[in-house]
Amino acid sequence: MGEKTNRAHTKTAPAPKRMGRPPGGKRSDPAYMQTTLYLPRSLMTDVRVKLLRSGDAEVSGLVESLLRDWLKRR
């Protein structure tokens, strides 16, 4: 008389961890925009090496600083 329902107890797998950078950086900040420029490879290599040796790993921070200084002089 009392029918039992046969329900499979399935566990949902946890969502896989996302690869890459965590959200919240410049990419998701509406005050910033992505841009592309063409520079000689040797120049970019030298810049990256100097930045890494100085502890500053962001090329975008360097370019932002240089562009702000350039604007002030105009």
N, C-alpha and C. Protein backbone atom coordinates (compact mmCIF):
# COMPACT_ATOMS: atom_id res chain seq x y z
N MET A 1 0.80 -1.17 0.00
CA MET A 1 0.00 0.00 0.00
C MET A 1 0.86 1.26 0.00
N GLY A 2 1.82 1.37 0.87
CA GLY A 2 2.68 2.55 0.91
C GLY A 2 3.82 2.39 -0.08
N GLU A 3 3.67 3.02 -1.22
CA GLU A 3 4.73 2.93 -2.23
C GLU A 3 5.89 3.86 -1.87
N LYS A 4 7.06 3.32 -2.00
CA LYS A 4 8.26 4.12 -1.75
C LYS A 4 8.78 4.65 -3.09
N THR A 5 9.11 5.89 -3.06
CA THR A 5 9.69 6.48 -4.27
C THR A 5 11.18 6.23 -4.25
N ASN A 6 11.71 5.71 -5.32
CA ASN A 6 13.13 5.43 -5.40
C ASN A 6 13.84 6.63 -6.02
N ARG A 7 14.40 7.46 -5.19
CA ARG A 7 15.13 8.64 -5.65
C ARG A 7 16.62 8.41 -5.45
N ALA A 8 17.35 8.62 -6.49
CA ALA A 8 18.80 8.48 -6.38
C ALA A 8 19.35 9.71 -5.68
N HIS A 9 20.15 9.48 -4.71
CA HIS A 9 20.78 10.58 -3.98
C HIS A 9 22.08 10.92 -4.70
N THR A 10 22.02 11.96 -5.50
CA THR A 10 23.22 12.36 -6.22
C THR A 10 23.76 13.63 -5.63
N LYS A 11 25.04 13.65 -5.50
CA LYS A 11 25.71 14.85 -5.01
C LYS A 11 26.13 15.68 -6.20
N THR A 12 25.88 16.95 -6.10
CA THR A 12 26.32 17.83 -7.17
C THR A 12 27.80 18.12 -6.99
N ALA A 13 28.52 18.02 -8.08
CA ALA A 13 29.95 18.30 -8.02
C ALA A 13 30.15 19.79 -7.81
N PRO A 14 31.14 20.16 -7.01
CA PRO A 14 31.40 21.59 -6.81
C PRO A 14 31.84 22.23 -8.13
N ALA A 15 31.52 23.49 -8.27
CA ALA A 15 31.89 24.20 -9.48
C ALA A 15 33.41 24.22 -9.60
N PRO A 16 33.92 23.98 -10.80
CA PRO A 16 35.38 23.99 -10.96
C PRO A 16 35.94 25.38 -10.70
N LYS A 17 37.14 25.40 -10.13
CA LYS A 17 37.77 26.69 -9.85
C LYS A 17 38.13 27.35 -11.17
N ARG A 18 37.93 28.65 -11.21
CA ARG A 18 38.24 29.40 -12.42
C ARG A 18 39.74 29.63 -12.50
N MET A 19 40.24 29.53 -13.69
CA MET A 19 41.65 29.77 -13.93
C MET A 19 41.85 31.26 -14.18
N GLY A 20 43.04 31.73 -14.01
CA GLY A 20 43.34 33.12 -14.34
C GLY A 20 43.26 34.03 -13.13
N ARG A 21 43.15 35.29 -13.44
CA ARG A 21 43.16 36.31 -12.39
C ARG A 21 41.79 36.43 -11.73
N PRO A 22 41.77 36.78 -10.45
CA PRO A 22 40.49 36.99 -9.79
C PRO A 22 39.82 38.26 -10.30
N PRO A 23 38.49 38.31 -10.26
CA PRO A 23 37.81 39.52 -10.73
C PRO A 23 38.12 40.70 -9.82
N GLY A 24 37.96 41.89 -10.35
CA GLY A 24 38.16 43.07 -9.53
C GLY A 24 39.33 43.92 -9.95
N GLY A 25 40.01 43.56 -11.01
CA GLY A 25 41.14 44.34 -11.47
C GLY A 25 40.72 45.40 -12.47
N LYS A 26 41.69 45.88 -13.21
CA LYS A 26 41.43 46.93 -14.20
C LYS A 26 40.46 46.46 -15.28
N ARG A 27 40.50 45.18 -15.59
CA ARG A 27 39.63 44.64 -16.64
C ARG A 27 38.15 44.86 -16.33
N SER A 28 37.79 44.77 -15.06
CA SER A 28 36.38 44.94 -14.69
C SER A 28 36.07 46.35 -14.20
N ASP A 29 37.05 47.24 -14.21
CA ASP A 29 36.85 48.62 -13.77
C ASP A 29 36.43 49.47 -14.97
N PRO A 30 35.22 50.04 -14.94
CA PRO A 30 34.74 50.82 -16.09
C PRO A 30 35.55 52.09 -16.35
N ALA A 31 36.38 52.51 -15.41
CA ALA A 31 37.21 53.69 -15.62
C ALA A 31 38.40 53.40 -16.54
N TYR A 32 38.66 52.12 -16.79
CA TYR A 32 39.78 51.72 -17.64
C TYR A 32 39.27 51.12 -18.95
N MET A 33 40.08 51.27 -20.00
CA MET A 33 39.78 50.65 -21.28
C MET A 33 41.02 49.94 -21.77
N GLN A 34 40.81 48.87 -22.52
CA GLN A 34 41.94 48.14 -23.08
C GLN A 34 42.33 48.79 -24.40
N THR A 35 43.62 48.84 -24.65
CA THR A 35 44.11 49.41 -25.89
C THR A 35 45.29 48.57 -26.40
N THR A 36 45.61 48.74 -27.64
CA THR A 36 46.70 47.99 -28.25
C THR A 36 47.66 48.95 -28.92
N LEU A 37 48.93 48.70 -28.77
CA LEU A 37 49.92 49.50 -29.49
C LEU A 37 50.97 48.59 -30.09
N TYR A 38 51.65 49.12 -31.06
CA TYR A 38 52.73 48.38 -31.70
C TYR A 38 54.06 48.99 -31.26
N LEU A 39 54.87 48.15 -30.62
CA LEU A 39 56.19 48.57 -30.15
C LEU A 39 57.21 47.53 -30.59
N PRO A 40 58.44 47.94 -30.77
CA PRO A 40 59.47 46.95 -31.12
C PRO A 40 59.59 45.88 -30.02
N ARG A 41 59.74 44.65 -30.45
CA ARG A 41 59.85 43.54 -29.49
C ARG A 41 60.99 43.77 -28.50
N SER A 42 62.12 44.22 -29.01
CA SER A 42 63.29 44.40 -28.14
C SER A 42 63.00 45.45 -27.07
N LEU A 43 62.25 46.48 -27.41
CA LEU A 43 61.90 47.51 -26.43
C LEU A 43 61.02 46.92 -25.33
N MET A 44 60.00 46.15 -25.72
CA MET A 44 59.10 45.56 -24.72
C MET A 44 59.84 44.56 -23.84
N THR A 45 60.74 43.81 -24.43
CA THR A 45 61.54 42.86 -23.63
C THR A 45 62.37 43.60 -22.60
N ASP A 46 63.05 44.65 -23.03
CA ASP A 46 63.87 45.44 -22.10
C ASP A 46 63.02 46.07 -21.00
N VAL A 47 61.86 46.58 -21.37
CA VAL A 47 60.96 47.21 -20.38
C VAL A 47 60.50 46.18 -19.37
N ARG A 48 60.07 45.01 -19.83
CA ARG A 48 59.60 43.97 -18.90
C ARG A 48 60.71 43.53 -17.94
N VAL A 49 61.91 43.38 -18.47
CA VAL A 49 63.04 42.97 -17.62
C VAL A 49 63.29 44.02 -16.54
N LYS A 50 63.33 45.28 -16.94
CA LYS A 50 63.58 46.36 -15.96
C LYS A 50 62.46 46.42 -14.92
N LEU A 51 61.21 46.28 -15.37
CA LEU A 51 60.08 46.32 -14.43
C LEU A 51 60.16 45.17 -13.44
N LEU A 52 60.45 43.98 -13.92
CA LEU A 52 60.53 42.83 -13.02
C LEU A 52 61.67 42.98 -12.02
N ARG A 53 62.79 43.48 -12.48
CA ARG A 53 63.94 43.68 -11.57
C ARG A 53 63.67 44.75 -10.52
N SER A 54 62.84 45.72 -10.88
CA SER A 54 62.53 46.79 -9.93
C SER A 54 61.35 46.45 -9.02
N GLY A 55 60.70 45.30 -9.28
CA GLY A 55 59.57 44.89 -8.46
C GLY A 55 58.23 45.39 -8.98
N ASP A 56 58.24 46.17 -10.04
CA ASP A 56 57.00 46.62 -10.66
C ASP A 56 56.74 45.71 -11.86
N ALA A 57 55.66 44.96 -11.80
CA ALA A 57 55.41 44.00 -12.87
C ALA A 57 54.39 44.50 -13.89
N GLU A 58 53.88 45.69 -13.74
CA GLU A 58 52.81 46.16 -14.62
C GLU A 58 53.29 47.16 -15.65
N VAL A 59 53.22 46.76 -16.91
CA VAL A 59 53.55 47.66 -18.00
C VAL A 59 52.49 48.76 -18.07
N SER A 60 51.24 48.40 -17.80
CA SER A 60 50.17 49.40 -17.90
C SER A 60 50.36 50.53 -16.90
N GLY A 61 50.86 50.22 -15.71
CA GLY A 61 51.13 51.28 -14.73
C GLY A 61 52.20 52.23 -15.20
N LEU A 62 53.24 51.69 -15.82
CA LEU A 62 54.31 52.51 -16.37
C LEU A 62 53.79 53.41 -17.49
N VAL A 63 53.03 52.82 -18.42
CA VAL A 63 52.50 53.59 -19.54
C VAL A 63 51.55 54.66 -19.04
N GLU A 64 50.71 54.34 -18.07
CA GLU A 64 49.79 55.34 -17.50
C GLU A 64 50.57 56.51 -16.91
N SER A 65 51.60 56.22 -16.15
CA SER A 65 52.42 57.26 -15.54
C SER A 65 53.09 58.14 -16.59
N LEU A 66 53.66 57.52 -17.61
CA LEU A 66 54.32 58.26 -18.67
C LEU A 66 53.34 59.15 -19.44
N LEU A 67 52.16 58.62 -19.72
CA LEU A 67 51.15 59.40 -20.45
C LEU A 67 50.63 60.57 -19.61
N ARG A 68 50.44 60.35 -18.31
CA ARG A 68 50.00 61.45 -17.44
C ARG A 68 51.05 62.56 -17.39
N ASP A 69 52.32 62.18 -17.27
CA ASP A 69 53.42 63.17 -17.28
C ASP A 69 53.45 63.92 -18.61
N TRP A 70 53.27 63.22 -19.70
CA TRP A 70 53.27 63.84 -21.02
C TRP A 70 52.13 64.85 -21.14
N LEU A 71 50.95 64.49 -20.63
CA LEU A 71 49.81 65.41 -20.69
C LEU A 71 50.06 66.69 -19.87
N LYS A 72 50.71 66.52 -18.73
CA LYS A 72 51.01 67.70 -17.89
C LYS A 72 51.94 68.68 -18.60
N ARG A 73 52.83 68.17 -19.41
CA ARG A 73 53.77 69.03 -20.11
C ARG A 73 53.17 69.69 -21.34
N ARG A 74 51.99 69.34 -21.73
CA ARG A 74 51.35 69.90 -22.92
C ARG A 74 50.49 71.08 -22.60
